[in-house]
Amino acid sequence: MPRSARTERARWRPAGDRSPIEKGNSVRNPYVTGPFVTGRKFYGRKELIDYLLQGENPACWVIGNRRIGKTSLLRQLEQLALSEPALMPLFWDMQGSDSYQRLGQYLADAVSEHGERLQSLAVPAASLSQEDPAELLADLRRAAARAGREILLLCDEPEAVIKIASAEPQAMQRLHRELTAGTGLRVVVASTQGIYELHDVCRDWPTSPFLAGFDVSRTLSGLSAQSAQALITQEQSTKPLQVAPDVIEAISDCTNNHPYLIQQLCSRLFNKDGWLRPITEDDLEVDPVLRGFFSMDYHSLTGPERQILRVAQRSGAIAEPALVQASGCDPAEARRRIHNLERLGYLRRVYGRYAIGNQFLANWLEEEPASQDEAPALVSDAALQIALVNRQAQEVGFLRAQLNAQRARLVELEAVRARDLLDVSPKILAQIEELQTQISHLRQLLNEIVT
């Protein structure tokens, strides 16, 4: 909400006598603003998780900004996979890898740390201890395939591979071949869009570039409205909070359902009696930690993206045709950039117009001097354009496949309704209505991407 329009709402309390909490029993702040979360502290992402665990492409690369929950997503996948007999999760933290050899050492360490998960594969000890990551992965996936299972390789902080791919291209080409080999191996990688620099690094490779073969259609963005509300009220905890509907709405609006920003804001609003008070101006301050995250994310944007954001900031809310024109890009290219900025949470739509993605980011843009726009981008504009064209093609393919599947299911249910006539069950009617809504939504998404 704009600063000029922001008002403090009246404090809300449930009717009735004072609760035991109000009589002096303090409540621990339940919001997590530091480490990754899993289990009951992990909210939402079900559709994405199902896709990553069951999708047709066994190699997926998820893009998201800092603090959006990339590590939490990977750790949640790891936890869920432990209860799936066909999957054997292996978490590979690549952070700090400065060479192909070090990358292999980190993978070998991960294998050693979770050796009990791999015992049933009967891989020789000598193979498990080797530090060439391509060879180690080849041995693991072949053993898993023989056993009718899959290694679920979860790769965190993969930006390290950019310099390694530049310095040791042949070794990284071998690793790429194993990561995208498929049989016996399912890979999920999560990174910022800084990884698109690989398109420049791999330009002269005689083989496919490193990102080729990965499904890059998935973006890690804000939570759904329902999941965001559950996070605000801590619905999955042993003691959910009662939060006024208008406070929930204000938190959701200010954060655009960004999980980290929700927890930051709720942590500021939380008091020891277990309430979330109304939002004030001071609660939306961009502290040094947030300033650092926004600054790093902003530097991953190229000049045209920064210009689009500045236009949206100055306008408050702007229609797409005007934003496309102000970008200075070819219209189709501008729409790809705007779509990407929306998916990443830099922009959002308000009553059919584009505005800055959340109030914290809007405040940061107001405070930051224009000199920020002159800082070199982490990714070249040429690399970003290649990435966006590739991702658009994959997104369109994914949405069309979903649309066709939903249509086929709708035809089946319509046949049931025609057969049963007046005796059709309410459950079938509800499913038909839900499918019609989903099909309409998928059509809208497709139109937004391809027009």
Protein backbone atom coordinates (compact mmCIF):
# COMPACT_ATOMS: atom_id res chain seq x y z
CA MET A 1 0.00 0.00 0.00
CA PRO A 2 1.40 3.51 -0.76
CA ARG A 3 2.79 5.37 2.19
CA SER A 4 0.25 8.17 1.73
CA ALA A 5 -2.63 5.69 1.87
CA ARG A 6 -1.33 3.59 4.71
CA THR A 7 -3.41 3.86 7.87
CA GLU A 8 -3.08 2.19 11.20
CA ARG A 9 -6.02 -0.08 11.96
CA ALA A 10 -7.65 -0.49 15.35
CA ARG A 11 -6.24 -3.20 17.59
CA TRP A 12 -8.32 -6.39 17.42
CA ARG A 13 -9.12 -8.75 20.24
CA PRO A 14 -11.56 -11.63 20.34
CA ALA A 15 -14.73 -11.25 22.30
CA GLY A 16 -15.06 -12.70 25.77
CA ASP A 17 -12.96 -12.72 28.90
CA ARG A 18 -9.23 -12.24 28.93
CA SER A 19 -7.47 -15.42 27.85
CA PRO A 20 -4.78 -17.17 29.92
CA ILE A 21 -2.24 -15.70 27.51
CA GLU A 22 -3.33 -12.19 28.43
CA LYS A 23 -2.98 -12.98 32.12
CA GLY A 24 0.79 -13.16 31.91
CA ASN A 25 1.79 -16.30 30.03
CA SER A 26 4.10 -15.00 27.29
CA VAL A 27 4.19 -16.71 23.92
CA ARG A 28 7.36 -17.42 22.01
CA ASN A 29 7.71 -15.63 18.68
CA PRO A 30 6.96 -18.39 16.14
CA TYR A 31 8.24 -16.65 13.02
CA VAL A 32 11.50 -17.87 11.46
CA THR A 33 13.66 -15.19 9.82
CA GLY A 34 17.02 -16.95 9.74
CA PRO A 35 17.63 -20.62 8.87
CA PHE A 36 15.79 -22.79 6.37
CA VAL A 37 12.54 -24.45 7.45
CA THR A 38 10.98 -27.87 6.85
CA GLY A 39 8.05 -29.91 8.12
CA ARG A 40 5.33 -27.98 9.90
CA LYS A 41 7.28 -24.73 9.53
CA PHE A 42 7.28 -25.08 5.75
CA TYR A 43 4.20 -23.58 4.09
CA GLY A 44 2.76 -23.98 0.61
CA ARG A 45 4.55 -24.97 -2.62
CA LYS A 46 2.58 -28.23 -2.94
CA GLU A 47 1.98 -27.92 -6.67
CA LEU A 48 5.64 -27.12 -7.31
CA ILE A 49 6.82 -29.95 -5.06
CA ASP A 50 4.57 -32.45 -6.82
CA TYR A 51 5.94 -31.27 -10.16
CA LEU A 52 9.57 -31.57 -9.04
CA LEU A 53 9.08 -35.04 -7.60
CA GLN A 54 6.84 -36.47 -10.31
CA GLY A 55 7.32 -34.37 -13.45
CA GLU A 56 8.34 -35.92 -16.74
CA ASN A 57 11.62 -34.00 -16.96
CA PRO A 58 14.02 -35.48 -14.35
CA ALA A 59 16.27 -32.39 -14.39
CA CYS A 60 14.70 -29.15 -13.11
CA TRP A 61 16.32 -25.80 -12.40
CA VAL A 62 14.25 -23.49 -10.17
CA ILE A 63 14.98 -19.75 -10.26
CA GLY A 64 14.22 -17.41 -7.36
CA ASN A 65 15.57 -14.32 -5.62
CA ARG A 66 17.46 -14.38 -2.37
CA ARG A 67 15.46 -15.25 0.76
CA ILE A 68 12.50 -16.56 -1.26
CA GLY A 69 13.00 -20.05 0.22
CA LYS A 70 15.24 -21.95 -2.21
CA THR A 71 17.14 -23.89 0.45
CA SER A 72 13.93 -24.55 2.38
CA LEU A 73 12.35 -25.96 -0.78
CA LEU A 74 15.29 -28.30 -1.34
CA ARG A 75 15.36 -29.41 2.29
CA GLN A 76 11.60 -30.01 2.25
CA LEU A 77 12.01 -32.14 -0.87
CA GLU A 78 14.73 -34.08 0.93
CA GLN A 79 12.48 -34.71 3.91
CA LEU A 80 9.51 -35.75 1.78
CA ALA A 81 11.65 -38.06 -0.35
CA LEU A 82 12.70 -40.03 2.74
CA SER A 83 9.18 -41.46 2.85
CA GLU A 84 9.16 -42.31 -0.87
CA PRO A 85 10.54 -45.83 -1.46
CA ALA A 86 11.51 -45.04 -5.05
CA LEU A 87 13.59 -41.97 -4.13
CA MET A 88 16.92 -41.63 -2.35
CA PRO A 89 17.59 -37.95 -1.54
CA LEU A 90 21.11 -36.53 -1.62
CA PHE A 91 21.68 -32.86 -0.72
CA TRP A 92 24.67 -31.27 -2.48
CA ASP A 93 25.67 -27.85 -1.12
CA MET A 94 27.95 -26.31 -3.75
CA GLN A 95 28.66 -23.08 -1.89
CA GLY A 96 32.36 -22.31 -1.69
CA SER A 97 33.36 -24.65 -4.50
CA ASP A 98 36.14 -22.92 -6.43
CA SER A 99 37.28 -25.82 -8.61
CA TYR A 100 35.97 -29.00 -10.17
CA GLN A 101 37.96 -31.00 -7.62
CA ARG A 102 36.44 -29.09 -4.70
CA LEU A 103 32.99 -29.58 -6.21
CA GLY A 104 33.65 -33.33 -6.21
CA GLN A 105 34.89 -33.27 -2.64
CA TYR A 106 31.68 -31.62 -1.51
CA LEU A 107 29.62 -34.25 -3.31
CA ALA A 108 31.72 -37.05 -1.81
CA ASP A 109 31.20 -35.48 1.63
CA ALA A 110 27.45 -35.49 1.06
CA VAL A 111 27.56 -39.16 0.05
CA SER A 112 29.65 -40.01 3.11
CA GLU A 113 27.33 -38.07 5.42
CA HIS A 114 24.28 -39.99 4.20
CA GLY A 115 25.87 -43.31 3.35
CA GLU A 116 23.15 -45.24 5.15
CA ARG A 117 20.64 -44.08 2.52
CA LEU A 118 22.77 -45.57 -0.24
CA GLN A 119 23.70 -48.90 1.35
CA SER A 120 20.90 -50.77 -0.42
CA LEU A 121 22.40 -49.85 -3.79
CA ALA A 122 25.47 -51.98 -3.12
CA VAL A 123 27.85 -49.42 -4.63
CA PRO A 124 31.51 -50.36 -3.92
CA ALA A 125 33.13 -48.29 -1.22
CA ALA A 126 35.85 -47.22 -3.64
CA SER A 127 33.23 -45.73 -5.95
CA LEU A 128 31.47 -43.87 -3.13
CA SER A 129 34.70 -42.23 -2.00
CA GLN A 130 35.88 -40.99 -5.39
CA GLU A 131 36.00 -37.22 -5.81
CA ASP A 132 35.27 -36.84 -9.51
CA PRO A 133 31.62 -35.70 -9.35
CA ALA A 134 30.75 -36.90 -12.87
CA GLU A 135 32.07 -40.40 -12.21
CA LEU A 136 30.54 -40.58 -8.74
CA LEU A 137 27.12 -39.55 -10.08
CA ALA A 138 27.42 -42.05 -12.92
CA ASP A 139 28.05 -44.89 -10.46
CA LEU A 140 25.21 -43.78 -8.19
CA ARG A 141 22.58 -43.36 -10.91
CA ARG A 142 23.46 -46.67 -12.57
CA ALA A 143 23.19 -48.49 -9.25
CA ALA A 144 19.88 -46.75 -8.52
CA ALA A 145 18.54 -47.65 -11.97
CA ARG A 146 19.45 -51.31 -11.46
CA ALA A 147 17.51 -51.24 -8.20
CA GLY A 148 14.49 -49.59 -9.85
CA ARG A 149 15.01 -46.39 -7.86
CA GLU A 150 16.14 -42.80 -8.37
CA ILE A 151 18.74 -40.66 -6.66
CA LEU A 152 17.07 -37.32 -5.88
CA LEU A 153 20.01 -34.93 -6.17
CA LEU A 154 19.25 -31.57 -4.56
CA CYS A 155 21.78 -28.90 -5.54
CA ASP A 156 22.02 -25.72 -3.47
CA GLU A 157 24.10 -22.58 -4.15
CA PRO A 158 25.04 -23.68 -7.69
CA GLU A 159 26.25 -20.20 -8.70
CA ALA A 160 29.69 -21.59 -7.87
CA VAL A 161 29.67 -23.58 -11.11
CA ILE A 162 29.86 -20.39 -13.22
CA LYS A 163 33.57 -19.80 -12.55
CA ILE A 164 34.33 -23.52 -12.65
CA ALA A 165 32.64 -23.87 -16.05
CA SER A 166 34.78 -21.01 -17.31
CA ALA A 167 38.06 -22.38 -15.93
CA GLU A 168 37.48 -26.13 -16.50
CA PRO A 169 35.00 -26.45 -19.37
CA GLN A 170 35.76 -30.05 -20.35
CA ALA A 171 35.25 -31.38 -16.85
CA MET A 172 32.01 -29.43 -16.47
CA GLN A 173 30.75 -30.74 -19.80
CA ARG A 174 31.13 -34.26 -18.41
CA LEU A 175 29.29 -33.24 -15.26
CA HIS A 176 26.48 -31.68 -17.29
CA ARG A 177 26.09 -34.92 -19.23
CA GLU A 178 25.61 -36.88 -16.01
CA LEU A 179 23.26 -34.36 -14.42
CA THR A 180 20.92 -34.55 -17.40
CA ALA A 181 21.34 -38.29 -18.09
CA GLY A 182 17.98 -39.15 -16.58
CA THR A 183 17.76 -42.86 -15.79
CA GLY A 184 18.37 -43.43 -12.11
CA LEU A 185 18.81 -39.74 -11.32
CA ARG A 186 16.33 -36.91 -10.66
CA VAL A 187 17.95 -33.50 -10.20
CA VAL A 188 16.54 -30.32 -8.66
CA VAL A 189 18.76 -27.24 -8.69
CA ALA A 190 17.76 -23.92 -7.11
CA SER A 191 19.54 -20.63 -7.77
CA THR A 192 19.14 -16.93 -8.44
CA GLN A 193 18.92 -15.74 -12.02
CA GLY A 194 22.61 -14.88 -11.75
CA ILE A 195 23.09 -18.42 -13.07
CA TYR A 196 22.09 -17.14 -16.52
CA GLU A 197 25.69 -15.97 -16.85
CA LEU A 198 26.35 -19.57 -17.89
CA HIS A 199 24.91 -18.70 -21.31
CA ASP A 200 27.93 -16.44 -21.84
CA VAL A 201 30.41 -18.84 -20.28
CA CYS A 202 29.24 -21.78 -22.41
CA ARG A 203 28.87 -19.86 -25.67
CA ASP A 204 31.90 -21.53 -27.27
CA TRP A 205 31.34 -25.03 -25.89
CA PRO A 206 31.29 -27.68 -28.64
CA THR A 207 28.58 -29.45 -26.64
CA SER A 208 25.27 -28.20 -25.23
CA PRO A 209 25.50 -25.30 -22.74
CA PHE A 210 25.28 -26.20 -19.08
CA LEU A 211 21.63 -25.17 -18.67
CA ALA A 212 20.51 -27.18 -21.71
CA GLY A 213 18.49 -30.26 -20.80
CA PHE A 214 17.15 -28.67 -17.61
CA ASP A 215 13.53 -27.67 -17.24
CA VAL A 216 13.87 -24.00 -16.28
CA SER A 217 10.16 -23.18 -16.51
CA ARG A 218 9.60 -23.05 -12.74
CA THR A 219 10.11 -19.84 -10.76
CA LEU A 220 10.06 -19.70 -6.98
CA SER A 221 7.83 -16.73 -6.23
CA GLY A 222 5.40 -15.68 -3.52
CA LEU A 223 3.03 -18.04 -1.75
CA SER A 224 -0.58 -18.51 -2.72
CA ALA A 225 -3.07 -16.38 -0.78
CA GLN A 226 -4.20 -19.43 1.20
CA SER A 227 -0.65 -20.51 2.10
CA ALA A 228 0.30 -16.96 3.03
CA GLN A 229 -2.63 -16.73 5.44
CA ALA A 230 -1.66 -20.08 6.94
CA LEU A 231 1.88 -18.79 7.49
CA ILE A 232 0.66 -15.56 9.06
CA THR A 233 -1.60 -17.40 11.49
CA GLN A 234 0.91 -20.26 11.98
CA GLU A 235 -1.84 -22.68 11.05
CA GLN A 236 0.47 -25.72 11.09
CA SER A 237 1.88 -25.05 14.55
CA THR A 238 0.63 -26.61 17.76
CA LYS A 239 -0.74 -23.20 18.79
CA PRO A 240 -2.10 -21.27 15.78
CA LEU A 241 -2.56 -17.55 16.27
CA GLN A 242 -5.82 -15.67 15.99
CA VAL A 243 -5.14 -12.69 13.72
CA ALA A 244 -7.65 -10.05 12.69
CA PRO A 245 -8.76 -10.43 9.06
CA ASP A 246 -7.78 -6.84 8.24
CA VAL A 247 -4.30 -7.38 9.70
CA ILE A 248 -3.88 -10.54 7.60
CA GLU A 249 -4.95 -8.59 4.53
CA ALA A 250 -2.53 -5.75 5.28
CA ILE A 251 0.40 -8.14 5.82
CA SER A 252 -0.38 -9.97 2.60
CA ASP A 253 -0.65 -6.69 0.71
CA CYS A 254 2.60 -5.20 2.02
CA THR A 255 4.62 -8.36 1.37
CA ASN A 256 2.89 -9.66 -1.77
CA ASN A 257 2.94 -13.03 0.03
CA HIS A 258 6.75 -13.24 -0.02
CA PRO A 259 7.43 -15.84 2.73
CA TYR A 260 10.55 -14.21 4.16
CA LEU A 261 8.98 -10.74 4.19
CA ILE A 262 5.84 -12.17 5.81
CA GLN A 263 7.93 -13.64 8.62
CA GLN A 264 10.01 -10.47 8.97
CA LEU A 265 6.92 -8.30 9.21
CA CYS A 266 5.00 -10.69 11.46
CA SER A 267 8.01 -10.94 13.74
CA ARG A 268 7.96 -7.14 14.09
CA LEU A 269 4.21 -7.13 14.76
CA PHE A 270 4.27 -10.00 17.24
CA ASN A 271 4.07 -9.26 20.95
CA LYS A 272 4.61 -11.49 23.95
CA ASP A 273 0.85 -11.89 24.51
CA GLY A 274 0.55 -13.74 21.20
CA TRP A 275 -1.05 -11.01 19.08
CA LEU A 276 -0.14 -9.39 15.80
CA ARG A 277 -0.72 -5.68 16.14
CA PRO A 278 -1.64 -3.42 13.20
CA ILE A 279 1.10 -2.23 10.84
CA THR A 280 2.72 1.17 11.29
CA GLU A 281 5.16 3.10 9.07
CA ASP A 282 8.12 1.98 11.15
CA ASP A 283 7.28 -1.70 10.61
CA LEU A 284 7.97 -1.28 6.89
CA GLU A 285 11.48 0.06 7.38
CA VAL A 286 14.11 -1.55 5.16
CA ASP A 287 16.77 -2.63 7.65
CA PRO A 288 20.42 -3.28 6.66
CA VAL A 289 19.78 -7.00 6.10
CA LEU A 290 16.89 -6.38 3.71
CA ARG A 291 18.83 -3.57 2.05
CA GLY A 292 21.64 -5.99 1.30
CA PHE A 293 19.31 -8.60 -0.20
CA PHE A 294 17.49 -6.06 -2.37
CA SER A 295 20.77 -4.57 -3.54
CA MET A 296 22.22 -7.94 -4.59
CA ASP A 297 19.00 -8.94 -6.36
CA TYR A 298 18.81 -5.58 -8.12
CA HIS A 299 22.35 -6.02 -9.44
CA SER A 300 21.28 -9.25 -11.11
CA LEU A 301 18.97 -7.18 -13.32
CA THR A 302 20.14 -5.69 -16.59
CA GLY A 303 19.60 -2.10 -17.69
CA PRO A 304 16.19 -2.59 -19.34
CA GLU A 305 14.83 -4.43 -16.27
CA ARG A 306 16.01 -1.66 -13.97
CA GLN A 307 14.40 0.91 -16.23
CA ILE A 308 11.10 -0.99 -16.15
CA LEU A 309 11.17 -1.01 -12.35
CA ARG A 310 11.98 2.68 -12.12
CA VAL A 311 9.11 3.53 -14.47
CA ALA A 312 6.74 1.44 -12.36
CA GLN A 313 8.05 3.09 -9.20
CA ARG A 314 7.56 6.61 -10.50
CA SER A 315 4.12 5.80 -11.88
CA GLY A 316 2.78 4.05 -8.79
CA ALA A 317 0.74 1.81 -11.09
CA ILE A 318 1.03 1.65 -14.87
CA ALA A 319 -0.80 -0.17 -17.65
CA GLU A 320 1.16 -2.79 -19.58
CA PRO A 321 1.15 -0.95 -22.96
CA ALA A 322 2.70 2.13 -21.35
CA LEU A 323 5.25 0.03 -19.47
CA VAL A 324 6.18 -1.84 -22.66
CA GLN A 325 6.66 1.44 -24.48
CA ALA A 326 8.73 2.95 -21.66
CA SER A 327 11.06 -0.07 -21.63
CA GLY A 328 12.57 0.91 -24.96
CA CYS A 329 12.59 -2.77 -26.03
CA ASP A 330 10.88 -4.67 -28.79
CA PRO A 331 7.30 -5.29 -27.54
CA ALA A 332 7.61 -9.09 -27.43
CA GLU A 333 10.96 -8.81 -25.66
CA ALA A 334 9.57 -6.22 -23.22
CA ARG A 335 6.66 -8.48 -22.32
CA ARG A 336 9.06 -11.35 -21.60
CA ARG A 337 11.05 -9.09 -19.30
CA ILE A 338 7.92 -7.82 -17.53
CA HIS A 339 6.63 -11.37 -17.11
CA ASN A 340 9.98 -12.39 -15.62
CA LEU A 341 9.98 -9.45 -13.21
CA GLU A 342 6.47 -10.35 -12.12
CA ARG A 343 7.36 -14.01 -11.58
CA LEU A 344 10.38 -13.02 -9.49
CA GLY A 345 8.28 -10.65 -7.39
CA TYR A 346 9.76 -7.34 -8.57
CA LEU A 347 6.40 -6.41 -10.10
CA ARG A 348 2.79 -7.28 -9.34
CA ARG A 349 -0.54 -6.48 -10.89
CA VAL A 350 -2.97 -4.24 -9.05
CA TYR A 351 -6.37 -3.75 -10.70
CA GLY A 352 -4.92 -4.63 -14.10
CA ARG A 353 -1.88 -2.36 -13.78
CA TYR A 354 1.71 -3.05 -12.83
CA ALA A 355 3.18 -1.81 -9.57
CA ILE A 356 6.32 -2.56 -7.56
CA GLY A 357 6.15 -6.09 -6.14
CA ASN A 358 5.96 -5.32 -2.42
CA GLN A 359 6.08 -2.35 -0.07
CA PHE A 360 9.56 -3.15 1.26
CA LEU A 361 11.00 -3.18 -2.26
CA ALA A 362 9.10 0.02 -3.10
CA ASN A 363 10.58 1.71 -0.03
CA TRP A 364 14.07 0.49 -0.95
CA LEU A 365 13.74 1.88 -4.47
CA GLU A 366 12.61 5.22 -3.04
CA GLU A 367 15.62 5.37 -0.75
CA GLU A 368 18.27 4.16 -3.19
CA PRO A 369 19.94 6.77 -5.40
CA ALA A 370 19.76 6.47 -9.18
CA SER A 371 23.49 5.64 -9.14
CA GLN A 372 22.45 2.09 -8.25
CA ASP A 373 21.18 1.80 -11.82
CA GLU A 374 24.67 2.38 -13.20
CA ALA A 375 26.24 -0.56 -11.33
CA PRO A 376 27.33 -3.41 -13.63
CA ALA A 377 24.79 -6.21 -13.97
CA LEU A 378 25.76 -9.69 -12.81
CA VAL A 379 24.30 -11.10 -16.03
CA SER A 380 24.75 -9.72 -19.53
CA ASP A 381 21.63 -8.60 -21.34
CA ALA A 382 22.38 -11.04 -24.15
CA ALA A 383 22.51 -13.97 -21.70
CA LEU A 384 19.28 -12.86 -20.04
CA GLN A 385 17.47 -12.64 -23.37
CA ILE A 386 18.55 -16.18 -24.29
CA ALA A 387 17.35 -17.43 -20.90
CA LEU A 388 13.97 -15.71 -21.17
CA VAL A 389 13.31 -17.02 -24.69
CA ASN A 390 14.20 -20.57 -23.60
CA ARG A 391 12.08 -20.33 -20.48
CA GLN A 392 9.11 -18.93 -22.34
CA ALA A 393 9.16 -21.89 -24.72
CA GLN A 394 9.25 -24.32 -21.80
CA GLU A 395 6.51 -22.48 -19.91
CA VAL A 396 4.24 -22.53 -22.95
CA GLY A 397 4.85 -26.25 -23.42
CA PHE A 398 4.16 -26.94 -19.75
CA LEU A 399 0.94 -24.91 -19.71
CA ARG A 400 -0.35 -26.48 -22.92
CA ALA A 401 0.30 -29.95 -21.55
CA GLN A 402 -1.59 -29.03 -18.37
CA LEU A 403 -4.43 -27.52 -20.39
CA ASN A 404 -4.78 -30.62 -22.56
CA ALA A 405 -4.79 -32.89 -19.50
CA GLN A 406 -7.47 -30.80 -17.78
CA ARG A 407 -9.58 -30.72 -20.93
CA ALA A 408 -9.38 -34.51 -21.28
CA ARG A 409 -10.43 -34.94 -17.66
CA LEU A 410 -13.32 -32.49 -18.18
CA VAL A 411 -14.53 -34.51 -21.19
CA GLU A 412 -14.58 -37.64 -19.01
CA LEU A 413 -16.60 -35.94 -16.28
CA GLU A 414 -19.00 -34.36 -18.78
CA ALA A 415 -19.66 -37.86 -20.15
CA VAL A 416 -20.45 -39.05 -16.61
CA ARG A 417 -22.85 -36.12 -16.12
CA ALA A 418 -24.60 -36.85 -19.44
CA ARG A 419 -24.94 -40.52 -18.54
CA ASP A 420 -26.33 -39.94 -15.06
CA LEU A 421 -28.49 -36.94 -16.04
CA LEU A 422 -30.48 -35.92 -12.96
CA ASP A 423 -28.72 -38.43 -10.71
CA VAL A 424 -25.24 -36.98 -11.14
CA SER A 425 -23.47 -36.67 -7.79
CA PRO A 426 -22.62 -33.28 -6.25
CA LYS A 427 -18.98 -34.41 -6.13
CA ILE A 428 -18.87 -34.78 -9.93
CA LEU A 429 -20.53 -31.38 -10.40
CA ALA A 430 -18.00 -29.77 -8.05
CA GLN A 431 -15.09 -31.38 -9.94
CA ILE A 432 -16.49 -30.13 -13.26
CA GLU A 433 -16.77 -26.60 -11.89
CA GLU A 434 -13.24 -26.73 -10.49
CA LEU A 435 -11.83 -28.00 -13.79
CA GLN A 436 -13.61 -25.27 -15.72
CA THR A 437 -12.03 -22.69 -13.41
CA GLN A 438 -8.58 -24.25 -13.82
CA ILE A 439 -8.92 -24.39 -17.60
CA SER A 440 -9.92 -20.72 -17.70
CA HIS A 441 -6.92 -19.82 -15.53
CA LEU A 442 -4.52 -21.82 -17.73
CA ARG A 443 -5.87 -20.14 -20.86
CA GLN A 444 -5.32 -16.75 -19.27
CA LEU A 445 -1.73 -17.63 -18.35
CA LEU A 446 -1.02 -18.86 -21.87
CA ASN A 447 -2.44 -15.69 -23.40
CA GLU A 448 -0.29 -13.55 -21.12
CA ILE A 449 2.86 -15.38 -22.16
CA VAL A 450 2.36 -15.72 -25.91
CA THR A 451 0.69 -12.38 -26.73
